[in-house]
Amino acid sequence: MIISLSNLFRILAKIKDAHQLYTMNKFVLIICVVVILLLASCQRKSTPNTSQQNCEETGLASYYGGKFIGRQTANGEIFTANKFTAAHRTLPFGTMVKVTNMTNNKFAIVRINDRGPFIKGRIIDLSEAAAKKIDMLQAGVVKVTIVCVN
């Protein structure tokens, strides 16, 4: 097969164009990767921001202990009734909350380590130690105000 000189130049021109296109695509790809990496590095780290949560609530509190002692809480630790911990539906684990009994103004500072309460109208479930400190053991359920302290 004999290729004319003009056909050879046309083939070489197409190869050159293809190489330029390949080089250009590689350049655009590199620029895109760099831009994506830069944008990703500008992203905020995901840390619990309690200012975005409803950190002041008033409602009913209950306490739990007994059958839950020794069981795993929602954050993975083992429940102990004598620690100042609590369950809340939405606050991030580790959030420190001041819980004030509205009937006697006694308060306890607890750490959220579980999810709940799952009874309508209640906003927080306290450990037995926290319930004792705010003097609610006999009542079982009391009106409280909760405020984040961290």
Protein backbone atom coordinates (compact mmCIF):
# COMPACT_ATOMS: atom_id res chain seq x y z
CA MET A 1 0.00 0.00 0.00
CA ILE A 2 1.42 3.28 -1.06
CA ILE A 3 0.58 6.41 0.92
CA SER A 4 0.85 9.73 -0.82
CA LEU A 5 2.81 12.48 0.79
CA SER A 6 -0.26 14.67 1.24
CA ASN A 7 -2.12 11.78 2.98
CA LEU A 8 0.88 11.22 5.24
CA PHE A 9 0.87 14.92 6.24
CA ARG A 10 -2.88 14.72 6.93
CA ILE A 11 -2.38 11.64 9.16
CA LEU A 12 0.50 13.31 10.97
CA ALA A 13 -1.62 16.45 11.50
CA LYS A 14 -4.44 14.35 13.01
CA ILE A 15 -1.96 12.59 15.28
CA LYS A 16 -0.56 15.96 16.36
CA ASP A 17 -4.10 17.28 17.04
CA ALA A 18 -4.93 14.13 18.99
CA HIS A 19 -1.77 14.53 21.06
CA GLN A 20 -2.59 18.19 21.74
CA LEU A 21 -6.13 17.19 22.72
CA TYR A 22 -4.79 14.48 25.02
CA THR A 23 -2.31 16.93 26.56
CA MET A 24 -5.07 19.54 26.97
CA ASN A 25 -7.44 17.00 28.60
CA LYS A 26 -4.68 15.93 30.97
CA PHE A 27 -4.06 19.57 31.91
CA VAL A 28 -7.77 20.21 32.51
CA LEU A 29 -8.02 17.05 34.61
CA ILE A 30 -5.06 18.11 36.76
CA ILE A 31 -6.58 21.58 37.26
CA CYS A 32 -9.94 20.01 38.26
CA VAL A 33 -8.26 17.72 40.80
CA VAL A 34 -6.32 20.64 42.30
CA VAL A 35 -9.49 22.76 42.58
CA ILE A 36 -11.41 19.90 44.22
CA LEU A 37 -8.60 19.34 46.72
CA LEU A 38 -8.48 23.04 47.55
CA LEU A 39 -12.23 23.17 48.08
CA ALA A 40 -12.16 20.04 50.23
CA SER A 41 -9.45 21.52 52.44
CA CYS A 42 -11.65 24.58 53.06
CA GLN A 43 -14.47 22.45 54.49
CA ARG A 44 -15.16 22.90 58.19
CA LYS A 45 -14.44 20.00 60.45
CA SER A 46 -17.52 18.28 61.79
CA THR A 47 -17.51 18.97 65.51
CA PRO A 48 -20.57 19.06 67.70
CA ASN A 49 -21.79 22.63 67.74
CA THR A 50 -24.29 22.95 70.52
CA SER A 51 -25.09 26.53 69.53
CA GLN A 52 -26.92 25.07 66.53
CA GLN A 53 -28.89 22.76 68.80
CA ASN A 54 -31.79 23.78 70.99
CA CYS A 55 -29.72 24.19 74.14
CA GLU A 56 -32.38 25.72 76.31
CA GLU A 57 -35.44 23.60 76.91
CA THR A 58 -38.11 23.35 79.55
CA GLY A 59 -40.10 20.18 79.98
CA LEU A 60 -40.41 16.97 81.92
CA ALA A 61 -37.47 14.92 83.14
CA SER A 62 -37.49 11.34 84.32
CA TYR A 63 -34.69 9.09 85.55
CA TYR A 64 -33.57 5.58 84.81
CA GLY A 65 -31.50 2.96 86.51
CA GLY A 66 -32.37 -0.51 87.74
CA LYS A 67 -32.67 -2.79 84.72
CA PHE A 68 -30.41 -0.53 82.60
CA ILE A 69 -27.36 -0.85 84.88
CA GLY A 70 -24.59 -2.65 83.03
CA ARG A 71 -26.23 -2.24 79.62
CA GLN A 72 -24.62 -0.40 76.76
CA THR A 73 -25.73 3.19 76.12
CA ALA A 74 -26.19 4.65 72.64
CA ASN A 75 -22.63 6.02 72.59
CA GLY A 76 -21.18 2.61 73.49
CA GLU A 77 -20.29 3.04 77.15
CA ILE A 78 -21.76 0.91 79.91
CA PHE A 79 -24.55 2.57 81.92
CA THR A 80 -23.81 3.19 85.59
CA ALA A 81 -26.48 4.75 87.80
CA ASN A 82 -23.95 6.57 90.00
CA LYS A 83 -22.47 8.74 87.23
CA PHE A 84 -23.93 12.10 86.23
CA THR A 85 -25.14 11.16 82.76
CA ALA A 86 -28.35 11.59 80.79
CA ALA A 87 -30.23 10.64 77.65
CA HIS A 88 -31.42 13.28 75.17
CA ARG A 89 -32.97 12.79 71.75
CA THR A 90 -30.82 15.20 69.72
CA LEU A 91 -27.92 16.76 71.65
CA PRO A 92 -24.50 15.42 70.60
CA PHE A 93 -22.87 12.82 72.82
CA GLY A 94 -20.51 14.46 75.29
CA THR A 95 -22.58 17.65 75.59
CA MET A 96 -22.61 18.92 79.17
CA VAL A 97 -26.04 20.08 80.32
CA LYS A 98 -27.19 21.87 83.46
CA VAL A 99 -30.52 20.38 84.54
CA THR A 100 -32.51 22.48 87.03
CA ASN A 101 -35.52 21.14 88.94
CA MET A 102 -38.13 23.90 88.59
CA THR A 103 -39.86 23.05 91.89
CA ASN A 104 -36.81 23.47 94.16
CA ASN A 105 -34.11 25.10 91.94
CA LYS A 106 -31.65 22.28 92.64
CA PHE A 107 -29.45 21.43 89.68
CA ALA A 108 -27.01 18.86 88.39
CA ILE A 109 -24.57 19.00 85.50
CA VAL A 110 -24.76 15.86 83.37
CA ARG A 111 -23.06 14.51 80.26
CA ILE A 112 -25.21 13.26 77.38
CA ASN A 113 -24.26 9.64 76.62
CA ASP A 114 -27.54 8.05 75.54
CA ARG A 115 -30.65 8.57 73.42
CA GLY A 116 -34.12 9.07 74.82
CA PRO A 117 -36.46 9.60 76.52
CA PHE A 118 -38.96 7.78 74.38
CA ILE A 119 -42.06 8.86 76.28
CA LYS A 120 -44.04 11.75 74.83
CA GLY A 121 -43.60 15.04 76.66
CA ARG A 122 -40.28 14.21 78.32
CA ILE A 123 -37.11 16.02 77.26
CA ILE A 124 -34.39 14.25 79.25
CA ASP A 125 -33.75 11.02 81.15
CA LEU A 126 -31.30 11.38 84.05
CA SER A 127 -29.13 8.82 85.75
CA GLU A 128 -30.16 7.95 89.30
CA ALA A 129 -27.25 9.97 90.74
CA ALA A 130 -28.34 13.13 88.89
CA ALA A 131 -31.98 12.55 89.84
CA LYS A 132 -30.99 12.24 93.49
CA LYS A 133 -28.98 15.46 93.37
CA ILE A 134 -31.94 17.48 92.09
CA ASP A 135 -34.26 15.71 94.57
CA MET A 136 -36.63 14.03 92.13
CA LEU A 137 -36.36 10.36 93.12
CA GLN A 138 -39.66 10.32 95.01
CA ALA A 139 -41.60 12.26 92.36
CA GLY A 140 -40.12 10.27 89.46
CA VAL A 141 -40.99 12.93 86.88
CA VAL A 142 -40.46 16.68 87.42
CA LYS A 143 -40.48 19.86 85.35
CA VAL A 144 -36.91 20.96 84.53
CA THR A 145 -34.99 23.46 82.52
CA ILE A 146 -31.92 22.25 80.63
CA VAL A 147 -29.12 24.51 79.39
CA CYS A 148 -25.92 23.49 77.62
CA VAL A 149 -22.81 24.50 79.57
CA ASN A 150 -19.95 23.61 77.20
